[in-house]
């Protein structure tokens, strides 16, 4: 008989402990998983779109001797060095303008490409070196889409003598890279 009592008492202790455990458990059911239990998603990728809105234009000028340079600044002003003389003759000058479309607060760095040779319509070549930007790199985008953050980039054109660089139109392509680190 003592054996049966022992088994009975053992089951009684287990039932009492189970009842106590159930009393102290916080049972909840959820229609959806709470944020604490949700599987964390990877961050949304940052997308940066760049639209080349305006080309870099050095306008009209002529060289009176050994040459020099024409500099276009990001603010839209122009200067010359050496024997290069500025003229207007109806040709405008301007920095390159790029429109950057990204989430406000995105940090973007500009990496200028290599120097470029511009080819003249009447022969000759001139070297273009990409200059600084406004805003200065790295910068933080400010406009919310569909708005865009405007970036202006200047450059320096090295002009040779009249024999090396005869009058005409000089053109070429340069590259800049917009990097979102």
C-alpha atoms as a PDB file:
ATOM      1  CA  UNK A   1       0.000   0.000   0.000  1.00  0.00           C
ATOM      2  CA  UNK A   2       2.705   2.481   0.681  1.00  0.00           C
ATOM      3  CA  UNK A   3       3.863   2.150  -2.880  1.00  0.00           C
ATOM      4  CA  UNK A   4       0.452   3.181  -4.222  1.00  0.00           C
ATOM      5  CA  UNK A   5       0.380   6.167  -1.895  1.00  0.00           C
ATOM      6  CA  UNK A   6       3.811   7.168  -3.051  1.00  0.00           C
ATOM      7  CA  UNK A   7       2.759   7.091  -6.711  1.00  0.00           C
ATOM      8  CA  UNK A   8      -0.466   8.935  -5.879  1.00  0.00           C
ATOM      9  CA  UNK A   9       1.389  11.562  -3.873  1.00  0.00           C
ATOM     10  CA  UNK A  10       3.997  11.924  -6.619  1.00  0.00           C
ATOM     11  CA  UNK A  11       1.298  12.675  -9.217  1.00  0.00           C
ATOM     12  CA  UNK A  12      -0.388  15.032  -6.798  1.00  0.00           C
ATOM     13  CA  UNK A  13       2.862  17.006  -6.393  1.00  0.00           C
ATOM     14  CA  UNK A  14       3.311  17.163 -10.162  1.00  0.00           C
ATOM     15  CA  UNK A  15      -0.267  18.393 -10.647  1.00  0.00           C
ATOM     16  CA  UNK A  16       0.125  21.032  -7.940  1.00  0.00           C
ATOM     17  CA  UNK A  17       3.414  22.284  -9.474  1.00  0.00           C
ATOM     18  CA  UNK A  18       1.863  22.381 -12.942  1.00  0.00           C
ATOM     19  CA  UNK A  19      -1.067  24.384 -11.617  1.00  0.00           C
ATOM     20  CA  UNK A  20       1.307  26.882  -9.960  1.00  0.00           C
ATOM     21  CA  UNK A  21       3.373  27.222 -13.137  1.00  0.00           C
ATOM     22  CA  UNK A  22       0.243  27.874 -15.205  1.00  0.00           C
ATOM     23  CA  UNK A  23      -0.879  30.544 -12.745  1.00  0.00           C
ATOM     24  CA  UNK A  24       2.365  32.465 -13.113  1.00  0.00           C
ATOM     25  CA  UNK A  25       2.684  32.151 -16.899  1.00  0.00           C
ATOM     26  CA  UNK A  26       1.558  35.084 -18.988  1.00  0.00           C
ATOM     27  CA  UNK A  27      -0.317  33.505 -21.842  1.00  0.00           C
ATOM     28  CA  UNK A  28      -1.015  35.818 -24.775  1.00  0.00           C
ATOM     29  CA  UNK A  29      -2.038  35.210 -28.329  1.00  0.00           C
ATOM     30  CA  UNK A  30      -1.177  37.573 -31.130  1.00  0.00           C
ATOM     31  CA  UNK A  31      -2.890  38.124 -34.452  1.00  0.00           C
ATOM     32  CA  UNK A  32       0.426  39.521 -35.708  1.00  0.00           C
ATOM     33  CA  UNK A  33       3.924  39.202 -34.392  1.00  0.00           C
ATOM     34  CA  UNK A  34       4.893  42.093 -32.122  1.00  0.00           C
ATOM     35  CA  UNK A  35       7.837  44.255 -33.179  1.00  0.00           C
ATOM     36  CA  UNK A  36      10.081  42.634 -30.571  1.00  0.00           C
ATOM     37  CA  UNK A  37       9.502  39.220 -32.064  1.00  0.00           C
ATOM     38  CA  UNK A  38       9.597  40.324 -35.729  1.00  0.00           C
ATOM     39  CA  UNK A  39      12.488  39.212 -37.857  1.00  0.00           C
ATOM     40  CA  UNK A  40      14.662  42.214 -38.492  1.00  0.00           C
ATOM     41  CA  UNK A  41      14.734  43.229 -42.142  1.00  0.00           C
ATOM     42  CA  UNK A  42      17.919  44.435 -43.822  1.00  0.00           C
ATOM     43  CA  UNK A  43      18.133  48.198 -44.305  1.00  0.00           C
ATOM     44  CA  UNK A  44      16.546  49.593 -47.427  1.00  0.00           C
ATOM     45  CA  UNK A  45      19.193  50.204 -50.116  1.00  0.00           C
ATOM     46  CA  UNK A  46      20.052  53.858 -50.702  1.00  0.00           C
ATOM     47  CA  UNK A  47      19.413  54.815 -54.308  1.00  0.00           C
ATOM     48  CA  UNK A  48      21.026  57.887 -55.857  1.00  0.00           C
ATOM     49  CA  UNK A  49      19.970  59.133 -59.295  1.00  0.00           C
ATOM     50  CA  UNK A  50      22.027  61.770 -61.090  1.00  0.00           C
ATOM     51  CA  UNK A  51      20.723  63.800 -64.022  1.00  0.00           C
ATOM     52  CA  UNK A  52      23.246  65.815 -66.089  1.00  0.00           C
ATOM     53  CA  UNK A  53      21.176  68.988 -66.495  1.00  0.00           C
ATOM     54  CA  UNK A  54      23.765  71.286 -68.117  1.00  0.00           C
ATOM     55  CA  UNK A  55      27.175  70.871 -69.742  1.00  0.00           C
ATOM     56  CA  UNK A  56      30.368  72.678 -68.786  1.00  0.00           C
ATOM     57  CA  UNK A  57      30.798  75.662 -71.176  1.00  0.00           C
ATOM     58  CA  UNK A  58      33.860  77.905 -71.343  1.00  0.00           C
ATOM     59  CA  UNK A  59      32.308  80.493 -73.683  1.00  0.00           C
ATOM     60  CA  UNK A  60      34.264  82.570 -76.191  1.00  0.00           C
ATOM     61  CA  UNK A  61      37.889  83.659 -75.719  1.00  0.00           C
ATOM     62  CA  UNK A  62      41.051  84.118 -77.743  1.00  0.00           C
ATOM     63  CA  UNK A  63      44.719  83.690 -77.065  1.00  0.00           C
ATOM     64  CA  UNK A  64      47.159  86.511 -77.682  1.00  0.00           C
ATOM     65  CA  UNK A  65      50.536  84.828 -77.494  1.00  0.00           C
ATOM     66  CA  UNK A  66      51.658  81.693 -75.716  1.00  0.00           C
ATOM     67  CA  UNK A  67      48.317  80.679 -74.200  1.00  0.00           C
ATOM     68  CA  UNK A  68      47.131  80.192 -70.628  1.00  0.00           C
ATOM     69  CA  UNK A  69      43.917  78.901 -69.119  1.00  0.00           C
ATOM     70  CA  UNK A  70      40.215  79.570 -68.791  1.00  0.00           C
ATOM     71  CA  UNK A  71      38.653  78.734 -65.416  1.00  0.00           C
ATOM     72  CA  UNK A  72      34.949  78.231 -64.776  1.00  0.00           C
ATOM     73  CA  UNK A  73      34.030  78.274 -61.094  1.00  0.00           C
ATOM     74  CA  UNK A  74      31.064  76.406 -59.577  1.00  0.00           C
ATOM     75  CA  UNK A  75      29.364  79.749 -58.797  1.00  0.00           C
ATOM     76  CA  UNK A  76      29.217  80.499 -62.539  1.00  0.00           C
ATOM     77  CA  UNK A  77      32.015  83.068 -62.769  1.00  0.00           C
ATOM     78  CA  UNK A  78      34.923  82.857 -65.225  1.00  0.00           C
ATOM     79  CA  UNK A  79      38.541  83.992 -65.193  1.00  0.00           C
ATOM     80  CA  UNK A  80      41.584  83.626 -67.450  1.00  0.00           C
ATOM     81  CA  UNK A  81      45.327  83.381 -66.974  1.00  0.00           C
ATOM     82  CA  UNK A  82      48.321  84.004 -69.249  1.00  0.00           C
ATOM     83  CA  UNK A  83      47.622  85.576 -72.610  1.00  0.00           C
ATOM     84  CA  UNK A  84      44.039  84.292 -72.855  1.00  0.00           C
ATOM     85  CA  UNK A  85      41.464  87.071 -73.190  1.00  0.00           C
ATOM     86  CA  UNK A  86      37.735  86.684 -72.396  1.00  0.00           C
ATOM     87  CA  UNK A  87      35.143  87.779 -74.925  1.00  0.00           C
ATOM     88  CA  UNK A  88      31.414  87.307 -75.033  1.00  0.00           C
ATOM     89  CA  UNK A  89      30.489  87.217 -78.740  1.00  0.00           C
ATOM     90  CA  UNK A  90      27.121  85.716 -77.800  1.00  0.00           C
ATOM     91  CA  UNK A  91      28.564  82.479 -76.385  1.00  0.00           C
ATOM     92  CA  UNK A  92      27.668  81.812 -72.770  1.00  0.00           C
ATOM     93  CA  UNK A  93      29.852  80.167 -70.154  1.00  0.00           C
ATOM     94  CA  UNK A  94      28.605  78.061 -67.269  1.00  0.00           C
ATOM     95  CA  UNK A  95      29.541  75.300 -64.837  1.00  0.00           C
ATOM     96  CA  UNK A  96      28.238  71.780 -65.358  1.00  0.00           C
ATOM     97  CA  UNK A  97      25.041  71.189 -63.392  1.00  0.00           C
ATOM     98  CA  UNK A  98      23.973  67.802 -62.089  1.00  0.00           C
ATOM     99  CA  UNK A  99      20.678  67.138 -60.327  1.00  0.00           C
ATOM    100  CA  UNK A 100      20.979  64.541 -57.556  1.00  0.00           C
ATOM    101  CA  UNK A 101      17.828  62.712 -56.523  1.00  0.00           C
ATOM    102  CA  UNK A 102      18.200  60.841 -53.219  1.00  0.00           C
ATOM    103  CA  UNK A 103      16.548  60.645 -49.807  1.00  0.00           C
ATOM    104  CA  UNK A 104      17.196  63.871 -47.837  1.00  0.00           C
ATOM    105  CA  UNK A 105      20.181  63.369 -45.562  1.00  0.00           C
ATOM    106  CA  UNK A 106      22.061  61.026 -47.930  1.00  0.00           C
ATOM    107  CA  UNK A 107      25.822  61.655 -47.899  1.00  0.00           C
ATOM    108  CA  UNK A 108      27.292  61.797 -51.421  1.00  0.00           C
ATOM    109  CA  UNK A 109      30.952  62.076 -52.430  1.00  0.00           C
ATOM    110  CA  UNK A 110      32.073  63.278 -55.859  1.00  0.00           C
ATOM    111  CA  UNK A 111      35.060  61.671 -57.537  1.00  0.00           C
ATOM    112  CA  UNK A 112      36.412  63.583 -60.534  1.00  0.00           C
ATOM    113  CA  UNK A 113      37.508  61.575 -63.527  1.00  0.00           C
ATOM    114  CA  UNK A 114      40.873  62.010 -65.265  1.00  0.00           C
ATOM    115  CA  UNK A 115      41.865  65.036 -67.328  1.00  0.00           C
ATOM    116  CA  UNK A 116      40.296  65.004 -70.796  1.00  0.00           C
ATOM    117  CA  UNK A 117      41.544  66.130 -74.210  1.00  0.00           C
ATOM    118  CA  UNK A 118      39.001  68.300 -76.025  1.00  0.00           C
ATOM    119  CA  UNK A 119      39.224  68.102 -79.812  1.00  0.00           C
ATOM    120  CA  UNK A 120      38.910  71.236 -81.964  1.00  0.00           C
ATOM    121  CA  UNK A 121      36.717  71.541 -85.046  1.00  0.00           C
ATOM    122  CA  UNK A 122      39.717  73.047 -86.929  1.00  0.00           C
ATOM    123  CA  UNK A 123      42.375  70.810 -85.370  1.00  0.00           C
ATOM    124  CA  UNK A 124      44.235  71.016 -82.099  1.00  0.00           C
ATOM    125  CA  UNK A 125      43.428  69.780 -78.617  1.00  0.00           C
ATOM    126  CA  UNK A 126      43.017  71.416 -75.229  1.00  0.00           C
ATOM    127  CA  UNK A 127      43.239  69.740 -71.823  1.00  0.00           C
ATOM    128  CA  UNK A 128      40.245  69.954 -69.489  1.00  0.00           C
ATOM    129  CA  UNK A 129      40.736  69.393 -65.771  1.00  0.00           C
ATOM    130  CA  UNK A 130      37.533  68.975 -63.728  1.00  0.00           C
ATOM    131  CA  UNK A 131      37.363  71.441 -60.850  1.00  0.00           C
ATOM    132  CA  UNK A 132      35.624  71.762 -57.533  1.00  0.00           C
ATOM    133  CA  UNK A 133      31.911  71.493 -56.830  1.00  0.00           C
ATOM    134  CA  UNK A 134      29.220  73.475 -55.074  1.00  0.00           C
ATOM    135  CA  UNK A 135      28.176  72.086 -52.671  1.00  0.00           C
ATOM    136  CA  UNK A 136      31.665  70.929 -51.752  1.00  0.00           C
ATOM    137  CA  UNK A 137      32.211  67.172 -51.761  1.00  0.00           C
ATOM    138  CA  UNK A 138      31.183  65.271 -49.688  1.00  0.00           C
ATOM    139  CA  UNK A 139      27.747  66.844 -49.330  1.00  0.00           C
ATOM    140  CA  UNK A 140      24.381  65.921 -47.844  1.00  0.00           C
ATOM    141  CA  UNK A 141      21.303  65.889 -50.071  1.00  0.00           C
ATOM    142  CA  UNK A 142      18.565  68.250 -48.922  1.00  0.00           C
ATOM    143  CA  UNK A 143      15.680  68.047 -51.413  1.00  0.00           C
ATOM    144  CA  UNK A 144      12.907  65.480 -51.058  1.00  0.00           C
ATOM    145  CA  UNK A 145      11.844  63.736 -54.270  1.00  0.00           C
ATOM    146  CA  UNK A 146      10.617  64.882 -56.741  1.00  0.00           C
ATOM    147  CA  UNK A 147      12.911  67.794 -55.845  1.00  0.00           C
ATOM    148  CA  UNK A 148      16.625  67.441 -56.538  1.00  0.00           C
ATOM    149  CA  UNK A 149      19.822  68.748 -54.998  1.00  0.00           C
ATOM    150  CA  UNK A 150      21.727  70.785 -57.608  1.00  0.00           C
ATOM    151  CA  UNK A 151      25.477  70.248 -57.844  1.00  0.00           C
ATOM    152  CA  UNK A 152      27.584  72.690 -59.892  1.00  0.00           C
ATOM    153  CA  UNK A 153      31.032  71.645 -61.085  1.00  0.00           C
ATOM    154  CA  UNK A 154      33.634  73.902 -62.648  1.00  0.00           C
ATOM    155  CA  UNK A 155      36.815  73.187 -64.556  1.00  0.00           C
ATOM    156  CA  UNK A 156      40.048  74.539 -65.983  1.00  0.00           C
ATOM    157  CA  UNK A 157      40.810  74.540 -69.698  1.00  0.00           C
ATOM    158  CA  UNK A 158      44.486  74.739 -70.660  1.00  0.00           C
ATOM    159  CA  UNK A 159      44.883  76.754 -73.862  1.00  0.00           C
ATOM    160  CA  UNK A 160      48.008  76.595 -76.021  1.00  0.00           C
ATOM    161  CA  UNK A 161      49.351  78.997 -78.624  1.00  0.00           C
ATOM    162  CA  UNK A 162      47.219  80.034 -81.637  1.00  0.00           C
ATOM    163  CA  UNK A 163      49.107  77.507 -83.799  1.00  0.00           C
ATOM    164  CA  UNK A 164      48.477  74.617 -81.360  1.00  0.00           C
ATOM    165  CA  UNK A 165      44.880  75.671 -80.730  1.00  0.00           C
ATOM    166  CA  UNK A 166      43.359  77.310 -83.815  1.00  0.00           C
ATOM    167  CA  UNK A 167      39.982  79.055 -83.417  1.00  0.00           C
ATOM    168  CA  UNK A 168      36.935  76.798 -83.488  1.00  0.00           C
ATOM    169  CA  UNK A 169      34.651  74.716 -81.306  1.00  0.00           C
ATOM    170  CA  UNK A 170      36.314  72.290 -78.905  1.00  0.00           C
ATOM    171  CA  UNK A 171      34.344  69.426 -77.455  1.00  0.00           C
ATOM    172  CA  UNK A 172      34.740  66.253 -75.466  1.00  0.00           C
ATOM    173  CA  UNK A 173      33.301  64.196 -72.651  1.00  0.00           C
ATOM    174  CA  UNK A 174      34.353  64.127 -69.018  1.00  0.00           C
ATOM    175  CA  UNK A 175      33.276  61.900 -66.165  1.00  0.00           C
ATOM    176  CA  UNK A 176      32.450  62.469 -62.540  1.00  0.00           C
ATOM    177  CA  UNK A 177      31.250  59.760 -60.185  1.00  0.00           C
ATOM    178  CA  UNK A 178      28.702  60.321 -57.430  1.00  0.00           C
ATOM    179  CA  UNK A 179      29.381  57.862 -54.621  1.00  0.00           C
ATOM    180  CA  UNK A 180      27.071  57.016 -51.751  1.00  0.00           C
ATOM    181  CA  UNK A 181      29.433  55.331 -49.260  1.00  0.00           C
END
